[in-house]
């Protein structure tokens, strides 16, 4: 008489057990799965590309503004032309002065072209960003007419610019108040006074960043998201952004000793920094969308 052996049913894996024990680990795994399954890598690449494309019109507008400044101050322009002629050897000085003069004369055209290209690249960048956040929240992409989508994306771009200005104003105002308090206390020029001001400015910068990311996480998706569910995500984004800023500053100080490294290393650093910011924002959106109190 044969005896049938019962097959042992395998239990849950150690990874599944760890996820069951730790809620934060399960949340992290859910966010990672959503980031991968909903095309997070694709959206990050798209945002990074249009971010780099937007640098061109920004440089054009910067050069145009510089051209208007030089045109309004002929003495400064003359001094700069003489300096270029004296510093650059041979015929390079003449070529540089001709190039600078032509650039100042064409400042209006450069500015208009930069504005047009900036609106185009800015719309594509905002469209990619909004699509990424919408996808991570599991929302449906809007089927609105193209013209309406373009207008709404451009308005969102201006809204983001306004929120960044408010954030910058909060940081600058707080720093100015801190300097005034140190001056009143008579410790403005002391080392420990500057240390106190630096330490005190960190929470203020985090608050400003938090407000910006809260606006991004709640207003940029195609469907509005309640601020309550996005608050923790905005905190995580603000902390991550400050850490990346500190790492970026350390990187620039590290490569500043070599001019040749600065020329290429800064470009690579900007590309890497933009990619990290985009990846962090898209991932935190997935993390926010998979929270228990998610919309």
Protein backbone atom coordinates (compact mmCIF):
# COMPACT_ATOMS: atom_id res chain seq x y z
CA UNK A 1 0.00 0.00 0.00
CA UNK A 2 1.61 3.24 -1.14
CA UNK A 3 1.54 6.28 1.05
CA UNK A 4 1.10 9.61 -0.69
CA UNK A 5 3.36 12.30 0.56
CA UNK A 6 1.78 15.68 0.93
CA UNK A 7 3.53 18.37 -1.06
CA UNK A 8 4.71 21.21 1.11
CA UNK A 9 3.18 24.50 0.06
CA UNK A 10 5.87 27.20 -0.04
CA UNK A 11 5.25 30.11 2.25
CA UNK A 12 5.64 33.77 1.42
CA UNK A 13 9.10 34.91 0.43
CA UNK A 14 11.31 36.92 2.75
CA UNK A 15 10.67 39.98 0.59
CA UNK A 16 6.90 39.54 0.95
CA UNK A 17 7.28 39.03 4.69
CA UNK A 18 9.38 42.18 4.97
CA UNK A 19 6.78 44.16 3.02
CA UNK A 20 4.04 42.81 5.29
CA UNK A 21 5.97 43.83 8.42
CA UNK A 22 7.07 47.28 7.28
CA UNK A 23 4.45 49.59 5.81
CA UNK A 24 7.06 52.07 4.53
CA UNK A 25 8.84 49.29 2.59
CA UNK A 26 5.58 48.14 1.03
CA UNK A 27 4.79 51.72 0.06
CA UNK A 28 8.25 52.09 -1.50
CA UNK A 29 7.79 48.88 -3.48
CA UNK A 30 4.37 49.99 -4.72
CA UNK A 31 5.79 53.34 -5.81
CA UNK A 32 8.69 51.68 -7.64
CA UNK A 33 6.35 49.29 -9.46
CA UNK A 34 4.11 52.15 -10.52
CA UNK A 35 7.09 54.24 -11.64
CA UNK A 36 8.29 51.40 -13.88
CA UNK A 37 4.92 50.15 -15.15
CA UNK A 38 3.54 53.62 -15.91
CA UNK A 39 6.54 54.69 -18.02
CA UNK A 40 8.53 56.71 -15.51
CA UNK A 41 11.82 56.27 -17.41
CA UNK A 42 10.23 57.48 -20.63
CA UNK A 43 8.77 60.58 -19.01
CA UNK A 44 12.05 61.45 -17.25
CA UNK A 45 13.91 61.26 -20.57
CA UNK A 46 11.31 63.51 -22.21
CA UNK A 47 11.44 66.10 -19.40
CA UNK A 48 15.26 66.11 -19.46
CA UNK A 49 15.35 66.60 -23.23
CA UNK A 50 12.99 69.56 -23.24
CA UNK A 51 14.77 71.04 -20.22
CA UNK A 52 18.02 71.12 -22.19
CA UNK A 53 16.19 72.48 -25.23
CA UNK A 54 14.83 75.30 -23.07
CA UNK A 55 18.35 76.40 -22.15
CA UNK A 56 18.90 77.72 -25.69
CA UNK A 57 16.14 80.41 -25.62
CA UNK A 58 17.13 81.30 -22.05
CA UNK A 59 20.66 82.04 -23.28
CA UNK A 60 19.25 83.98 -26.23
CA UNK A 61 17.13 86.15 -23.94
CA UNK A 62 20.10 86.66 -21.62
CA UNK A 63 22.28 87.80 -24.51
CA UNK A 64 19.50 90.08 -25.76
CA UNK A 65 19.18 91.75 -22.35
CA UNK A 66 22.96 92.17 -22.24
CA UNK A 67 22.80 93.76 -25.69
CA UNK A 68 20.19 96.29 -24.54
CA UNK A 69 22.32 97.12 -21.49
CA UNK A 70 25.42 97.70 -23.62
CA UNK A 71 23.44 99.74 -26.17
CA UNK A 72 22.14 102.03 -23.41
CA UNK A 73 25.67 102.60 -22.05
CA UNK A 74 27.98 103.51 -24.97
CA UNK A 75 30.95 104.14 -22.68
CA UNK A 76 30.74 100.62 -21.27
CA UNK A 77 30.48 99.19 -24.79
CA UNK A 78 33.51 101.20 -25.95
CA UNK A 79 35.56 100.08 -22.95
CA UNK A 80 34.61 96.46 -23.58
CA UNK A 81 35.57 96.70 -27.25
CA UNK A 82 38.96 98.22 -26.36
CA UNK A 83 39.51 95.51 -23.77
CA UNK A 84 38.79 92.76 -26.29
CA UNK A 85 41.16 94.33 -28.82
CA UNK A 86 43.94 94.56 -26.25
CA UNK A 87 43.55 91.12 -24.73
CA UNK A 88 42.98 88.91 -27.78
CA UNK A 89 46.02 88.38 -30.01
CA UNK A 90 46.25 89.09 -33.73
CA UNK A 91 43.06 89.34 -35.71
CA UNK A 92 40.99 87.69 -33.01
CA UNK A 93 40.45 91.04 -31.33
CA UNK A 94 38.98 92.56 -34.48
CA UNK A 95 36.76 89.54 -35.08
CA UNK A 96 35.52 89.64 -31.49
CA UNK A 97 34.69 93.34 -31.65
CA UNK A 98 32.86 92.86 -34.95
CA UNK A 99 30.91 89.97 -33.48
CA UNK A 100 30.02 91.92 -30.34
CA UNK A 101 28.97 95.01 -32.31
CA UNK A 102 26.76 92.93 -34.60
CA UNK A 103 25.28 91.16 -31.63
CA UNK A 104 24.34 94.47 -29.96
CA UNK A 105 22.78 95.70 -33.21
CA UNK A 106 20.67 92.54 -33.52
CA UNK A 107 19.60 92.44 -29.88
CA UNK A 108 15.90 92.93 -30.69
CA UNK A 109 15.78 90.10 -33.21
CA UNK A 110 17.66 87.78 -30.87
CA UNK A 111 15.25 88.63 -28.05
CA UNK A 112 12.14 88.02 -30.17
CA UNK A 113 13.53 84.74 -31.49
CA UNK A 114 14.45 83.68 -27.97
CA UNK A 115 10.95 84.50 -26.74
CA UNK A 116 9.26 82.52 -29.54
CA UNK A 117 11.57 79.52 -29.17
CA UNK A 118 11.21 79.79 -25.39
CA UNK A 119 7.42 79.59 -25.57
CA UNK A 120 7.65 76.56 -27.86
CA UNK A 121 10.22 74.66 -25.80
CA UNK A 122 8.58 75.77 -22.55
CA UNK A 123 5.22 74.44 -23.70
CA UNK A 124 6.75 71.10 -24.68
CA UNK A 125 8.55 70.91 -21.33
CA UNK A 126 5.38 71.68 -19.37
CA UNK A 127 3.37 69.27 -21.51
CA UNK A 128 5.86 66.47 -20.79
CA UNK A 129 5.88 67.29 -17.08
CA UNK A 130 2.09 67.39 -16.80
CA UNK A 131 1.75 64.13 -18.75
CA UNK A 132 4.28 62.49 -16.41
CA UNK A 133 2.47 63.57 -13.25
CA UNK A 134 -0.89 62.63 -14.75
CA UNK A 135 0.37 59.15 -15.62
CA UNK A 136 1.89 58.56 -12.18
CA UNK A 137 -1.43 59.47 -10.55
CA UNK A 138 -3.18 56.96 -12.82
CA UNK A 139 -5.33 59.66 -14.37
CA UNK A 140 -6.55 59.69 -17.94
CA UNK A 141 -4.85 62.05 -20.34
CA UNK A 142 -7.10 64.92 -21.38
CA UNK A 143 -8.80 64.64 -24.77
CA UNK A 144 -9.23 68.41 -25.00
CA UNK A 145 -8.51 70.16 -28.32
CA UNK A 146 -4.84 70.83 -29.02
CA UNK A 147 -5.21 74.61 -28.86
CA UNK A 148 -6.88 74.45 -25.45
CA UNK A 149 -4.17 72.07 -24.20
CA UNK A 150 -1.45 74.44 -25.38
CA UNK A 151 -3.09 77.42 -23.69
CA UNK A 152 -3.57 75.55 -20.42
CA UNK A 153 0.02 74.29 -20.46
CA UNK A 154 1.39 77.78 -21.08
CA UNK A 155 -0.76 79.15 -18.25
CA UNK A 156 0.59 76.37 -16.02
CA UNK A 157 4.11 77.38 -17.06
CA UNK A 158 3.46 80.96 -16.00
CA UNK A 159 1.91 79.67 -12.78
CA UNK A 160 5.04 77.67 -12.04
CA UNK A 161 7.18 80.73 -12.73
CA UNK A 162 5.04 82.76 -10.32
CA UNK A 163 5.36 80.11 -7.61
CA UNK A 164 9.14 80.07 -8.07
CA UNK A 165 9.22 83.86 -7.73
CA UNK A 166 7.20 83.64 -4.52
CA UNK A 167 9.58 80.97 -3.22
CA UNK A 168 12.58 83.09 -4.13
CA UNK A 169 10.99 86.12 -2.47
CA UNK A 170 10.42 84.18 0.75
CA UNK A 171 14.04 83.06 0.84
CA UNK A 172 15.46 86.50 0.04
CA UNK A 173 13.18 88.25 2.53
CA UNK A 174 14.07 85.80 5.27
CA UNK A 175 17.78 86.23 4.60
CA UNK A 176 17.44 90.02 4.62
CA UNK A 177 15.59 89.92 7.94
CA UNK A 178 18.29 87.65 9.34
CA UNK A 179 21.04 90.07 8.28
CA UNK A 180 19.13 92.95 9.86
CA UNK A 181 18.76 91.07 13.14
CA UNK A 182 22.46 90.23 13.19
CA UNK A 183 23.27 93.87 12.50
CA UNK A 184 21.03 95.06 15.34
CA UNK A 185 22.66 92.54 17.67
CA UNK A 186 26.11 93.73 16.59
CA UNK A 187 27.29 90.30 15.42
CA UNK A 188 26.97 90.80 11.67
CA UNK A 189 30.70 90.40 10.98
CA UNK A 190 31.35 87.47 13.32
CA UNK A 191 31.90 83.93 12.13
CA UNK A 192 29.34 82.38 14.43
CA UNK A 193 26.79 84.97 13.36
CA UNK A 194 27.12 83.85 9.74
CA UNK A 195 26.89 80.23 10.90
CA UNK A 196 23.64 80.93 12.74
CA UNK A 197 22.24 82.71 9.68
CA UNK A 198 23.21 79.81 7.40
CA UNK A 199 21.62 77.24 9.70
CA UNK A 200 18.48 79.34 10.14
CA UNK A 201 18.11 79.78 6.37
CA UNK A 202 17.81 76.01 5.80
CA UNK A 203 14.26 75.65 7.24
CA UNK A 204 13.21 78.74 5.31
CA UNK A 205 14.54 77.28 2.06
CA UNK A 206 12.77 74.00 2.81
CA UNK A 207 9.51 75.86 3.42
CA UNK A 208 9.83 77.71 0.12
CA UNK A 209 10.65 74.49 -1.74
CA UNK A 210 7.75 72.71 -0.05
CA UNK A 211 5.28 75.34 -1.25
CA UNK A 212 6.54 75.03 -4.83
CA UNK A 213 6.42 71.23 -4.88
CA UNK A 214 3.00 71.21 -3.22
CA UNK A 215 1.73 73.42 -6.03
CA UNK A 216 3.40 71.17 -8.62
CA UNK A 217 1.97 67.94 -7.19
CA UNK A 218 -1.57 69.29 -6.85
CA UNK A 219 -2.03 71.69 -9.77
CA UNK A 220 0.05 70.33 -12.65
CA UNK A 221 -1.69 66.96 -13.15
CA UNK A 222 -4.48 67.10 -15.72
CA UNK A 223 -6.95 66.41 -12.91
CA UNK A 224 -6.56 68.40 -9.70
CA UNK A 225 -5.28 66.58 -6.62
CA UNK A 226 -6.20 67.47 -3.05
CA UNK A 227 -3.38 69.16 -1.12
CA UNK A 228 -3.79 66.89 1.91
CA UNK A 229 -2.61 63.78 0.07
CA UNK A 230 0.34 65.61 -1.52
CA UNK A 231 1.77 67.26 1.61
CA UNK A 232 4.13 64.42 2.52
CA UNK A 233 5.23 64.07 -1.08
CA UNK A 234 6.02 67.79 -1.18
CA UNK A 235 8.09 67.42 2.01
CA UNK A 236 10.07 64.55 0.48
CA UNK A 237 10.58 66.53 -2.74
CA UNK A 238 11.78 69.60 -0.82
CA UNK A 239 14.28 67.54 1.18
CA UNK A 240 15.52 65.77 -1.95
CA UNK A 241 15.85 69.03 -3.84
CA UNK A 242 17.93 70.63 -1.08
CA UNK A 243 20.20 67.58 -0.94
CA UNK A 244 20.68 67.70 -4.70
CA UNK A 245 21.47 71.42 -4.51
CA UNK A 246 24.13 70.77 -1.89
CA UNK A 247 25.58 67.94 -3.98
CA UNK A 248 25.57 70.19 -7.06
CA UNK A 249 27.42 72.94 -5.18
CA UNK A 250 30.01 70.43 -3.97
CA UNK A 251 30.45 69.16 -7.55
CA UNK A 252 31.01 72.67 -8.90
CA UNK A 253 33.58 73.40 -6.19
CA UNK A 254 35.28 70.11 -7.02
CA UNK A 255 35.74 70.92 -10.72
CA UNK A 256 36.42 74.66 -10.36
CA UNK A 257 40.20 74.19 -10.11
CA UNK A 258 40.61 73.24 -13.77
CA UNK A 259 39.28 75.58 -16.51
CA UNK A 260 39.11 72.75 -19.07
CA UNK A 261 37.15 70.57 -16.68
CA UNK A 262 34.80 73.45 -15.87
CA UNK A 263 33.97 73.92 -19.56
CA UNK A 264 32.80 70.34 -20.07
CA UNK A 265 32.13 69.24 -16.51
CA UNK A 266 29.60 72.00 -15.91
CA UNK A 267 27.59 70.96 -18.98
CA UNK A 268 27.62 67.32 -17.88
CA UNK A 269 26.74 68.40 -14.36
CA UNK A 270 23.74 70.44 -15.55
CA UNK A 271 22.49 67.50 -17.63
CA UNK A 272 22.90 65.09 -14.71
CA UNK A 273 21.29 67.52 -12.26
CA UNK A 274 18.25 68.08 -14.49
CA UNK A 275 17.85 64.33 -14.95
CA UNK A 276 18.03 63.70 -11.20
CA UNK A 277 15.47 66.42 -10.46
CA UNK A 278 13.07 65.02 -13.06
CA UNK A 279 13.55 61.47 -11.80
CA UNK A 280 13.02 62.52 -8.19
CA UNK A 281 9.84 64.47 -8.98
CA UNK A 282 8.26 61.72 -11.09
CA UNK A 283 9.15 59.03 -8.54
CA UNK A 284 7.80 61.06 -5.62
CA UNK A 285 4.58 61.56 -7.58
CA UNK A 286 4.30 57.77 -7.89
CA UNK A 287 5.05 57.51 -4.16
CA UNK A 288 2.33 60.07 -3.39
CA UNK A 289 -0.17 58.31 -5.65
CA UNK A 290 0.36 54.94 -3.91
CA UNK A 291 -0.10 56.25 -0.37
CA UNK A 292 -3.03 54.93 1.65
CA UNK A 293 -4.70 58.33 1.60
CA UNK A 294 -4.03 58.86 -2.11
CA UNK A 295 -6.82 60.41 -4.18
